[in-house]
Amino acid sequence: MAAVGRIGGDGLGVRMRAARIEREMGLRQLAQQIGMSPSSLSEFENGKSMPGAERLQALATVLGVPLELDPPEPAGPGFEDWRDFERLDLAPVFRVALDVFVEEGYHAATVRMIADRCGLSMAGVYYHVESKDALLTELLQGAMAELISRCVAADAEADSPAQRVVNLVECVILFHTYRQASAVLASTELRSLDEPGRLLHLQSRRKVREIIQSAVEACRNAGRVGTVPATSTATAIVTMCVAVADWYRPGISPSPREIAREYADLALAMVGA
């Protein structure tokens, strides 16, 4: 699994405090400006806590401190063809955790459940990962890294703007069917992530949308005129593709390739609508 990412590296709170002092802003003044309690801001500056995404962004804007929030590098499972999905290669603790989180829900799941299914003691689980939150964070970062990597490959393979849209829709659909458990976890448990994992996950989601938005804009530039802004169109395309994971049933629903063909047609119609 990829290592859990950091926000702005070590010492972000220290850098924020230095910027505040340089601007001759008092702790209470800054806290009031961004809607944060002085005690919480003090804890952040001393490295004892991490604010939520919105307040962290507000701090960065007010103080002029770059967050350096990059999604995890696309380093998910290797593949030769972005359309081919081998069985997900996860360490036993992570594979069991994925199943338990999807079946029980993150908050209802316990490390004891994961340990029992793995045939390990709780200490054995903690040998592999430091906390339940770290399990969730790494599972979601790994999933998004794989999705981004496949989207980049699908986009690069296309030879026309319309084919870019078709490839990207197919890629997202295949991921949300062949990696259904990971996709469901990513769409339902964002609220359960602690910082900085939540913010990194949102950045990864935004990256996928931006790749699709770029393809939509290329179609518009090539003459496929639409009245809905490219940002909204890309968001709608991503939303309908992501929702497939909620209802897809292997062996009962149409095949992933069939769904991808239908949704690609829908997406192209949306681009020109």
Protein backbone atom coordinates (compact mmCIF):
# COMPACT_ATOMS: atom_id res chain seq x y z
CA MET A 1 0.00 0.00 0.00
CA ALA A 2 1.12 3.57 -0.62
CA ALA A 3 2.16 5.52 2.43
CA VAL A 4 -0.38 7.88 3.93
CA GLY A 5 0.14 11.33 2.46
CA ARG A 6 0.90 14.48 4.38
CA ILE A 7 -0.48 17.96 3.99
CA GLY A 8 2.26 20.42 3.23
CA GLY A 9 4.89 18.24 4.88
CA ASP A 10 5.99 18.44 8.48
CA GLY A 11 5.62 21.73 10.34
CA LEU A 12 2.65 23.21 8.49
CA GLY A 13 1.30 24.67 11.75
CA VAL A 14 4.69 26.19 12.51
CA ARG A 15 4.81 27.79 9.06
CA MET A 16 1.28 29.13 9.51
CA ARG A 17 2.26 30.64 12.87
CA ALA A 18 5.36 32.25 11.36
CA ALA A 19 3.25 33.75 8.58
CA ARG A 20 0.72 35.05 11.13
CA ILE A 21 3.43 36.72 13.20
CA GLU A 22 5.04 38.18 10.09
CA ARG A 23 1.68 39.78 9.24
CA GLU A 24 1.40 41.03 12.82
CA MET A 25 -1.89 39.21 13.35
CA GLY A 26 -2.91 38.11 16.82
CA LEU A 27 -4.05 34.56 17.46
CA ARG A 28 -7.57 35.67 18.39
CA GLN A 29 -7.80 38.03 15.42
CA LEU A 30 -6.95 35.27 12.94
CA ALA A 31 -9.17 32.73 14.68
CA GLN A 32 -12.14 35.08 14.53
CA GLN A 33 -11.49 35.86 10.86
CA ILE A 34 -11.66 32.21 9.78
CA GLY A 35 -14.33 31.08 12.24
CA MET A 36 -12.06 28.99 14.44
CA SER A 37 -11.60 29.01 18.21
CA PRO A 38 -8.30 30.46 19.46
CA SER A 39 -7.56 27.26 21.39
CA SER A 40 -8.02 25.10 18.28
CA LEU A 41 -5.83 27.41 16.23
CA SER A 42 -3.16 27.29 18.95
CA GLU A 43 -3.24 23.48 18.95
CA PHE A 44 -2.78 23.46 15.17
CA GLU A 45 0.15 25.88 15.32
CA ASN A 46 1.79 23.62 17.90
CA GLY A 47 1.30 20.48 15.81
CA LYS A 48 -1.31 18.90 18.08
CA SER A 49 -4.24 18.90 15.64
CA MET A 50 -5.24 19.46 12.01
CA PRO A 51 -8.16 21.72 10.99
CA GLY A 52 -10.81 20.60 8.53
CA ALA A 53 -10.39 21.18 4.82
CA GLU A 54 -12.34 24.44 4.61
CA ARG A 55 -10.62 26.11 7.55
CA LEU A 56 -7.21 24.90 6.42
CA GLN A 57 -7.84 26.47 3.03
CA ALA A 58 -9.07 29.66 4.69
CA LEU A 59 -5.88 29.83 6.77
CA ALA A 60 -3.76 29.32 3.67
CA THR A 61 -5.63 32.08 1.82
CA VAL A 62 -5.45 34.62 4.64
CA LEU A 63 -1.79 33.93 5.44
CA GLY A 64 -0.57 33.29 1.89
CA VAL A 65 0.90 29.90 2.79
CA PRO A 66 0.74 27.28 -0.01
CA LEU A 67 -0.77 23.98 1.11
CA GLU A 68 1.11 21.83 -1.40
CA LEU A 69 -1.91 19.55 -1.56
CA ASP A 70 -1.12 17.05 -4.24
CA PRO A 71 -3.09 13.82 -4.64
CA PRO A 72 -1.11 10.63 -4.13
CA GLU A 73 1.00 9.86 -7.16
CA PRO A 74 -0.72 7.38 -9.47
CA ALA A 75 1.02 4.30 -8.12
CA GLY A 76 -1.83 1.86 -7.74
CA PRO A 77 -1.71 -1.74 -8.95
CA GLY A 78 0.29 -2.12 -12.14
CA PHE A 79 -1.48 -2.94 -15.39
CA GLU A 80 -0.58 -3.42 -19.04
CA ASP A 81 -3.96 -2.32 -20.39
CA TRP A 82 -6.21 0.12 -18.54
CA ARG A 83 -9.21 -2.05 -19.52
CA ASP A 84 -7.84 -5.18 -17.81
CA PHE A 85 -8.50 -5.66 -14.12
CA GLU A 86 -6.66 -8.41 -12.30
CA ARG A 87 -7.64 -9.44 -8.78
CA LEU A 88 -6.71 -6.62 -6.43
CA ASP A 89 -3.42 -7.47 -4.76
CA LEU A 90 -3.81 -6.39 -1.15
CA ALA A 91 -2.11 -7.57 2.00
CA PRO A 92 -4.47 -9.84 4.01
CA VAL A 93 -5.17 -7.22 6.69
CA PHE A 94 -6.14 -4.63 4.07
CA ARG A 95 -8.23 -7.08 2.04
CA VAL A 96 -10.20 -8.12 5.12
CA ALA A 97 -10.53 -4.51 6.26
CA LEU A 98 -11.99 -3.59 2.85
CA ASP A 99 -14.60 -6.34 3.14
CA VAL A 100 -15.48 -5.50 6.75
CA PHE A 101 -15.74 -1.76 6.10
CA VAL A 102 -18.09 -2.32 3.14
CA GLU A 103 -20.23 -4.93 4.93
CA GLU A 104 -20.48 -3.28 8.34
CA GLY A 105 -19.78 0.38 7.66
CA TYR A 106 -16.60 2.04 8.88
CA HIS A 107 -17.93 3.20 12.24
CA ALA A 108 -19.56 -0.15 13.08
CA ALA A 109 -16.46 -2.10 12.04
CA THR A 110 -13.85 -2.81 14.70
CA VAL A 111 -10.22 -3.81 14.66
CA ARG A 112 -11.33 -6.92 16.57
CA MET A 113 -13.55 -7.96 13.63
CA ILE A 114 -10.66 -7.52 11.23
CA ALA A 115 -8.27 -9.42 13.50
CA ASP A 116 -10.69 -12.33 13.91
CA ARG A 117 -11.22 -12.72 10.15
CA CYS A 118 -7.48 -12.57 9.55
CA GLY A 119 -6.76 -15.10 12.28
CA LEU A 120 -4.60 -12.54 14.05
CA SER A 121 -4.54 -10.92 17.46
CA MET A 122 -5.31 -7.22 17.63
CA ALA A 123 -1.61 -6.66 18.25
CA GLY A 124 -0.97 -8.54 15.01
CA VAL A 125 -3.18 -6.11 13.11
CA TYR A 126 -1.46 -3.13 14.70
CA TYR A 127 1.85 -4.58 13.59
CA HIS A 128 0.72 -3.92 9.99
CA VAL A 129 -1.07 -0.59 10.48
CA GLU A 130 -1.16 1.99 13.25
CA SER A 131 -4.93 2.56 13.42
CA LYS A 132 -8.33 1.85 11.89
CA ASP A 133 -8.26 5.30 10.32
CA ALA A 134 -4.92 4.51 8.70
CA LEU A 135 -6.48 1.37 7.21
CA LEU A 136 -9.29 3.40 5.67
CA THR A 137 -6.97 6.16 4.48
CA GLU A 138 -4.58 3.78 2.75
CA LEU A 139 -7.38 1.79 1.14
CA LEU A 140 -8.94 4.93 -0.31
CA GLN A 141 -5.66 6.48 -1.39
CA GLY A 142 -4.70 3.25 -3.13
CA ALA A 143 -8.07 3.09 -4.90
CA MET A 144 -7.89 6.68 -6.11
CA ALA A 145 -4.29 6.29 -7.21
CA GLU A 146 -5.32 3.32 -9.37
CA LEU A 147 -8.31 5.17 -10.84
CA ILE A 148 -6.23 8.25 -11.70
CA SER A 149 -3.51 6.11 -13.26
CA ARG A 150 -6.02 4.24 -15.43
CA CYS A 151 -7.75 7.48 -16.45
CA VAL A 152 -4.44 8.99 -17.53
CA ALA A 153 -3.71 5.89 -19.65
CA ALA A 154 -7.22 5.85 -21.16
CA ASP A 155 -7.01 9.53 -22.03
CA ALA A 156 -3.59 9.18 -23.64
CA GLU A 157 -4.76 6.30 -25.83
CA ALA A 158 -7.56 8.32 -27.52
CA ASP A 159 -7.02 9.81 -30.98
CA SER A 160 -9.85 12.37 -30.92
CA PRO A 161 -11.68 14.55 -28.39
CA ALA A 162 -14.82 12.39 -28.60
CA GLN A 163 -12.78 9.23 -28.13
CA ARG A 164 -11.22 10.78 -25.03
CA VAL A 165 -14.68 11.09 -23.50
CA VAL A 166 -15.60 7.54 -24.55
CA ASN A 167 -12.38 6.09 -23.12
CA LEU A 168 -12.66 7.98 -19.85
CA VAL A 169 -16.28 6.99 -19.30
CA GLU A 170 -15.40 3.36 -20.02
CA CYS A 171 -12.44 3.58 -17.63
CA VAL A 172 -14.51 4.98 -14.75
CA ILE A 173 -17.30 2.46 -15.34
CA LEU A 174 -14.91 -0.50 -15.44
CA PHE A 175 -13.26 0.68 -12.23
CA HIS A 176 -16.60 1.06 -10.43
CA THR A 177 -17.67 -2.45 -11.43
CA TYR A 178 -14.44 -4.48 -11.24
CA ARG A 179 -13.29 -2.56 -8.14
CA GLN A 180 -16.81 -2.22 -6.77
CA ALA A 181 -15.91 -2.69 -3.09
CA SER A 182 -13.22 0.00 -3.26
CA ALA A 183 -15.56 2.29 -5.19
CA VAL A 184 -18.41 1.88 -2.69
CA LEU A 185 -16.04 2.55 0.20
CA ALA A 186 -14.73 5.69 -1.51
CA SER A 187 -18.23 7.07 -2.10
CA THR A 188 -19.72 6.26 1.31
CA GLU A 189 -16.93 6.75 3.83
CA LEU A 190 -15.44 10.11 2.89
CA ARG A 191 -17.14 11.51 5.99
CA SER A 192 -15.24 9.00 8.12
CA LEU A 193 -11.77 10.12 7.05
CA ASP A 194 -9.73 12.23 9.41
CA GLU A 195 -7.47 14.99 8.14
CA PRO A 196 -5.23 15.00 6.20
CA GLY A 197 -6.68 11.91 4.51
CA ARG A 198 -10.03 13.56 3.77
CA LEU A 199 -8.49 16.53 2.03
CA LEU A 200 -6.18 14.35 -0.03
CA HIS A 201 -9.13 12.19 -1.07
CA LEU A 202 -11.06 15.26 -2.21
CA GLN A 203 -8.03 16.36 -4.21
CA SER A 204 -7.94 12.96 -5.93
CA ARG A 205 -11.63 13.17 -6.80
CA ARG A 206 -11.06 16.62 -8.24
CA LYS A 207 -8.21 15.27 -10.36
CA VAL A 208 -10.50 12.69 -11.98
CA ARG A 209 -13.09 15.34 -12.74
CA GLU A 210 -10.45 17.64 -14.20
CA ILE A 211 -9.24 14.93 -16.58
CA ILE A 212 -12.80 14.42 -17.83
CA GLN A 213 -13.44 18.16 -17.97
CA SER A 214 -10.39 18.56 -20.18
CA ALA A 215 -11.86 16.02 -22.62
CA VAL A 216 -15.23 17.80 -22.57
CA GLU A 217 -13.54 21.12 -23.31
CA ALA A 218 -11.62 19.54 -26.17
CA CYS A 219 -14.92 18.33 -27.67
CA ARG A 220 -16.38 21.81 -27.36
CA ASN A 221 -13.32 23.32 -29.04
CA ALA A 222 -13.68 20.78 -31.85
CA GLY A 223 -17.20 22.01 -32.62
CA ARG A 224 -19.42 19.94 -30.33
CA VAL A 225 -21.34 22.92 -28.98
CA GLY A 226 -23.17 22.66 -25.66
CA THR A 227 -24.94 25.20 -23.47
CA VAL A 228 -24.04 23.67 -20.09
CA PRO A 229 -20.60 24.73 -18.77
CA ALA A 230 -17.84 22.14 -19.17
CA THR A 231 -17.33 21.99 -15.40
CA SER A 232 -20.96 21.08 -14.76
CA THR A 233 -21.01 18.62 -17.65
CA ALA A 234 -17.89 16.85 -16.38
CA THR A 235 -19.32 16.71 -12.86
CA ALA A 236 -22.55 15.19 -14.18
CA ILE A 237 -20.65 12.58 -16.19
CA VAL A 238 -18.51 11.59 -13.20
CA THR A 239 -21.56 11.46 -10.92
CA MET A 240 -23.55 9.12 -13.16
CA CYS A 241 -20.54 6.82 -13.66
CA VAL A 242 -19.68 6.67 -9.95
CA ALA A 243 -23.30 5.76 -9.12
CA VAL A 244 -22.97 2.49 -11.06
CA ALA A 245 -21.14 0.95 -8.09
CA ASP A 246 -24.31 1.33 -6.01
CA TRP A 247 -26.52 -0.86 -8.19
CA TYR A 248 -24.20 -3.08 -10.25
CA ARG A 249 -24.64 -6.80 -9.55
CA PRO A 250 -22.20 -9.23 -11.22
CA GLY A 251 -24.02 -11.85 -13.27
CA ILE A 252 -27.33 -9.99 -13.01
CA SER A 253 -26.68 -6.51 -14.35
CA PRO A 254 -25.49 -5.95 -17.94
CA SER A 255 -21.77 -6.55 -18.34
CA PRO A 256 -19.35 -3.73 -17.45
CA ARG A 257 -18.50 -3.27 -21.15
CA GLU A 258 -22.19 -2.98 -22.06
CA ILE A 259 -22.78 -0.42 -19.33
CA ALA A 260 -19.71 1.49 -20.49
CA ARG A 261 -20.97 1.65 -24.10
CA GLU A 262 -24.38 2.97 -23.02
CA TYR A 263 -22.91 5.52 -20.63
CA ALA A 264 -20.40 6.70 -23.26
CA ASP A 265 -23.33 7.49 -25.57
CA LEU A 266 -25.04 9.34 -22.73
CA ALA A 267 -21.87 11.31 -22.00
CA LEU A 268 -21.39 12.37 -25.62
CA ALA A 269 -25.02 13.51 -25.71
CA MET A 270 -24.42 15.51 -22.53
CA VAL A 271 -21.32 17.13 -24.01
CA GLY A 272 -23.38 18.53 -26.88
CA ALA A 273 -26.61 19.16 -24.99
